[in-house]
Amino acid sequence: MTGEIGIYIRHDPDRVRAADFAFWASAKLPDGPPLGFIEVAPDLVVEILSPTDRWPEINEKIADYFSVGVGELWIVDPSDETVFVYRSPAQRTALRRGDTLNGSGPLTGFTLPIDELFTF
């Protein structure tokens, strides 16, 4: 799913994060995507940074996503053509031109050369 997908982080008080892209293995959403905000943690969340994003807020998002069981998080920074791959809040890998992004878990076998991501 793409485009500000609302993912519940907690209730009472409600906290929802809006991911730029999210992926669920079909076993997690056997009836397809629900209407409204989603209560099931995605296998992958992708956040694309904008010039106004700041790392303290991004770090808060990272903690929120992993707190609900997100499997993997990719932070795409177009300004310096870097993809930060998180497999936990403390495990970060920075990928740049010349590197290849490799999916894990349900995305095992998915590969994307970083050069292709930033060629436009």
C-alpha atoms as a PDB file:
ATOM      1  CA  MET A   1       0.000   0.000   0.000  1.00  0.00           C
ATOM      2  CA  THR A   2       1.189   3.520  -0.695  1.00  0.00           C
ATOM      3  CA  GLY A   3       0.276   7.042   0.262  1.00  0.00           C
ATOM      4  CA  GLU A   4      -0.037   7.918   3.947  1.00  0.00           C
ATOM      5  CA  ILE A   5      -1.280   4.559   5.216  1.00  0.00           C
ATOM      6  CA  GLY A   6      -2.651   5.014   8.737  1.00  0.00           C
ATOM      7  CA  ILE A   7      -1.196   2.434  11.130  1.00  0.00           C
ATOM      8  CA  TYR A   8      -2.372   2.326  14.739  1.00  0.00           C
ATOM      9  CA  ILE A   9       0.483   2.557  17.214  1.00  0.00           C
ATOM     10  CA  ARG A  10      -1.752   2.644  20.303  1.00  0.00           C
ATOM     11  CA  HIS A  11      -5.246   3.396  21.563  1.00  0.00           C
ATOM     12  CA  ASP A  12      -6.484   5.603  24.401  1.00  0.00           C
ATOM     13  CA  PRO A  13      -5.070   8.011  23.562  1.00  0.00           C
ATOM     14  CA  ASP A  14      -4.957   7.088  19.890  1.00  0.00           C
ATOM     15  CA  ARG A  15      -1.691   7.394  18.052  1.00  0.00           C
ATOM     16  CA  VAL A  16      -1.535   6.697  14.328  1.00  0.00           C
ATOM     17  CA  ARG A  17       1.497   6.878  12.060  1.00  0.00           C
ATOM     18  CA  ALA A  18       1.074   7.563   8.351  1.00  0.00           C
ATOM     19  CA  ALA A  19       3.585   5.511   6.371  1.00  0.00           C
ATOM     20  CA  ASP A  20       4.552   6.455   2.821  1.00  0.00           C
ATOM     21  CA  PHE A  21       4.596   2.772   1.847  1.00  0.00           C
ATOM     22  CA  ALA A  22       3.763  -0.393   3.754  1.00  0.00           C
ATOM     23  CA  PHE A  23       3.836  -4.090   2.878  1.00  0.00           C
ATOM     24  CA  TRP A  24       2.019  -6.978   4.559  1.00  0.00           C
ATOM     25  CA  ALA A  25       2.469 -10.624   3.655  1.00  0.00           C
ATOM     26  CA  SER A  26      -0.898 -11.948   2.470  1.00  0.00           C
ATOM     27  CA  ALA A  27      -1.146 -14.187   5.560  1.00  0.00           C
ATOM     28  CA  LYS A  28      -1.363 -11.075   7.767  1.00  0.00           C
ATOM     29  CA  LEU A  29      -4.221  -9.543   5.758  1.00  0.00           C
ATOM     30  CA  PRO A  30      -5.977 -12.569   4.200  1.00  0.00           C
ATOM     31  CA  ASP A  31      -9.084 -10.514   3.339  1.00  0.00           C
ATOM     32  CA  GLY A  32      -7.062  -7.698   1.795  1.00  0.00           C
ATOM     33  CA  PRO A  33      -6.505  -4.238   3.189  1.00  0.00           C
ATOM     34  CA  PRO A  34      -9.147  -3.043   5.613  1.00  0.00           C
ATOM     35  CA  LEU A  35     -10.897   0.293   5.342  1.00  0.00           C
ATOM     36  CA  GLY A  36      -9.585   3.017   7.623  1.00  0.00           C
ATOM     37  CA  PHE A  37      -6.589   2.775   9.902  1.00  0.00           C
ATOM     38  CA  ILE A  38      -4.821  -0.567  10.086  1.00  0.00           C
ATOM     39  CA  GLU A  39      -4.301  -2.462  13.350  1.00  0.00           C
ATOM     40  CA  VAL A  40      -1.924  -5.126  11.976  1.00  0.00           C
ATOM     41  CA  ALA A  41       1.809  -4.353  11.989  1.00  0.00           C
ATOM     42  CA  PRO A  42       3.301  -4.299   8.480  1.00  0.00           C
ATOM     43  CA  ASP A  43       6.213  -6.511   7.520  1.00  0.00           C
ATOM     44  CA  LEU A  44       7.843  -3.454   5.945  1.00  0.00           C
ATOM     45  CA  VAL A  45       7.383   0.301   6.306  1.00  0.00           C
ATOM     46  CA  VAL A  46       9.084   2.797   4.000  1.00  0.00           C
ATOM     47  CA  GLU A  47       9.369   6.450   4.978  1.00  0.00           C
ATOM     48  CA  ILE A  48      10.630   8.992   2.451  1.00  0.00           C
ATOM     49  CA  LEU A  49      12.223  12.018   4.093  1.00  0.00           C
ATOM     50  CA  SER A  50      11.238  15.499   3.057  1.00  0.00           C
ATOM     51  CA  PRO A  51      13.424  18.595   3.532  1.00  0.00           C
ATOM     52  CA  THR A  52      11.417  19.552   6.639  1.00  0.00           C
ATOM     53  CA  ASP A  53      11.844  16.185   8.427  1.00  0.00           C
ATOM     54  CA  ARG A  54      14.138  16.183  11.464  1.00  0.00           C
ATOM     55  CA  TRP A  55      15.899  13.162  12.939  1.00  0.00           C
ATOM     56  CA  PRO A  56      14.446  13.495  16.464  1.00  0.00           C
ATOM     57  CA  GLU A  57      10.961  13.062  14.976  1.00  0.00           C
ATOM     58  CA  ILE A  58      12.143  10.291  12.641  1.00  0.00           C
ATOM     59  CA  ASN A  59      13.682   8.431  15.605  1.00  0.00           C
ATOM     60  CA  GLU A  60      10.329   8.662  17.383  1.00  0.00           C
ATOM     61  CA  LYS A  61       8.617   7.135  14.325  1.00  0.00           C
ATOM     62  CA  ILE A  62      11.201   4.342  14.245  1.00  0.00           C
ATOM     63  CA  ALA A  63      10.517   3.503  17.894  1.00  0.00           C
ATOM     64  CA  ASP A  64       6.752   3.619  17.314  1.00  0.00           C
ATOM     65  CA  TYR A  65       6.848   1.294  14.317  1.00  0.00           C
ATOM     66  CA  PHE A  66       8.987  -1.310  16.050  1.00  0.00           C
ATOM     67  CA  SER A  67       6.874  -1.078  19.209  1.00  0.00           C
ATOM     68  CA  VAL A  68       3.929  -2.572  17.304  1.00  0.00           C
ATOM     69  CA  GLY A  69       5.956  -5.308  15.594  1.00  0.00           C
ATOM     70  CA  VAL A  70       6.986  -3.875  12.220  1.00  0.00           C
ATOM     71  CA  GLY A  71       9.484  -6.315  10.724  1.00  0.00           C
ATOM     72  CA  GLU A  72      11.680  -3.910   8.799  1.00  0.00           C
ATOM     73  CA  LEU A  73      11.851  -0.168   8.155  1.00  0.00           C
ATOM     74  CA  TRP A  74      13.495   1.654   5.267  1.00  0.00           C
ATOM     75  CA  ILE A  75      14.130   5.388   5.594  1.00  0.00           C
ATOM     76  CA  VAL A  76      14.812   6.915   2.171  1.00  0.00           C
ATOM     77  CA  ASP A  77      16.742  10.197   2.194  1.00  0.00           C
ATOM     78  CA  PRO A  78      16.647  11.663  -1.324  1.00  0.00           C
ATOM     79  CA  SER A  79      18.815  14.645  -0.344  1.00  0.00           C
ATOM     80  CA  ASP A  80      21.916  12.498   0.088  1.00  0.00           C
ATOM     81  CA  GLU A  81      20.727   9.450  -1.894  1.00  0.00           C
ATOM     82  CA  THR A  82      20.838   7.123   1.091  1.00  0.00           C
ATOM     83  CA  VAL A  83      18.539   4.360   2.297  1.00  0.00           C
ATOM     84  CA  PHE A  84      18.740   3.508   5.989  1.00  0.00           C
ATOM     85  CA  VAL A  85      17.640  -0.069   6.617  1.00  0.00           C
ATOM     86  CA  TYR A  86      16.423  -0.860  10.129  1.00  0.00           C
ATOM     87  CA  ARG A  87      15.762  -4.429  11.219  1.00  0.00           C
ATOM     88  CA  SER A  88      15.396  -3.199  14.818  1.00  0.00           C
ATOM     89  CA  PRO A  89      15.558   0.259  16.391  1.00  0.00           C
ATOM     90  CA  ALA A  90      19.237  -0.302  17.165  1.00  0.00           C
ATOM     91  CA  GLN A  91      20.318  -2.090  13.969  1.00  0.00           C
ATOM     92  CA  ARG A  92      20.800   0.388  11.117  1.00  0.00           C
ATOM     93  CA  THR A  93      22.598  -0.057   7.822  1.00  0.00           C
ATOM     94  CA  ALA A  94      23.197   2.862   5.451  1.00  0.00           C
ATOM     95  CA  LEU A  95      23.088   2.043   1.732  1.00  0.00           C
ATOM     96  CA  ARG A  96      24.304   4.408  -0.976  1.00  0.00           C
ATOM     97  CA  ARG A  97      24.967   4.361  -4.719  1.00  0.00           C
ATOM     98  CA  GLY A  98      26.775   1.159  -5.641  1.00  0.00           C
ATOM     99  CA  ASP A  99      24.988  -0.793  -2.883  1.00  0.00           C
ATOM    100  CA  THR A 100      22.022  -3.128  -3.274  1.00  0.00           C
ATOM    101  CA  LEU A 101      18.984  -3.197  -1.017  1.00  0.00           C
ATOM    102  CA  ASN A 102      18.023  -6.785  -0.135  1.00  0.00           C
ATOM    103  CA  GLY A 103      14.686  -7.646   1.412  1.00  0.00           C
ATOM    104  CA  SER A 104      14.398 -10.053   4.327  1.00  0.00           C
ATOM    105  CA  GLY A 105      11.631 -12.137   5.871  1.00  0.00           C
ATOM    106  CA  PRO A 106       8.638 -12.159   3.511  1.00  0.00           C
ATOM    107  CA  LEU A 107      10.647  -9.957   1.140  1.00  0.00           C
ATOM    108  CA  THR A 108      13.558 -12.394   0.826  1.00  0.00           C
ATOM    109  CA  GLY A 109      14.624 -12.406  -2.808  1.00  0.00           C
ATOM    110  CA  PHE A 110      13.669  -8.776  -3.411  1.00  0.00           C
ATOM    111  CA  THR A 111      16.663  -6.705  -4.517  1.00  0.00           C
ATOM    112  CA  LEU A 112      16.974  -3.103  -5.615  1.00  0.00           C
ATOM    113  CA  PRO A 113      20.217  -1.440  -6.678  1.00  0.00           C
ATOM    114  CA  ILE A 114      20.346   1.917  -4.906  1.00  0.00           C
ATOM    115  CA  ASP A 115      21.523   3.525  -8.170  1.00  0.00           C
ATOM    116  CA  GLU A 116      18.137   2.661  -9.731  1.00  0.00           C
ATOM    117  CA  LEU A 117      16.242   4.192  -6.837  1.00  0.00           C
ATOM    118  CA  PHE A 118      17.860   7.587  -7.261  1.00  0.00           C
ATOM    119  CA  THR A 119      17.964   7.737 -11.056  1.00  0.00           C
ATOM    120  CA  PHE A 120      15.340  10.186 -12.256  1.00  0.00           C
END
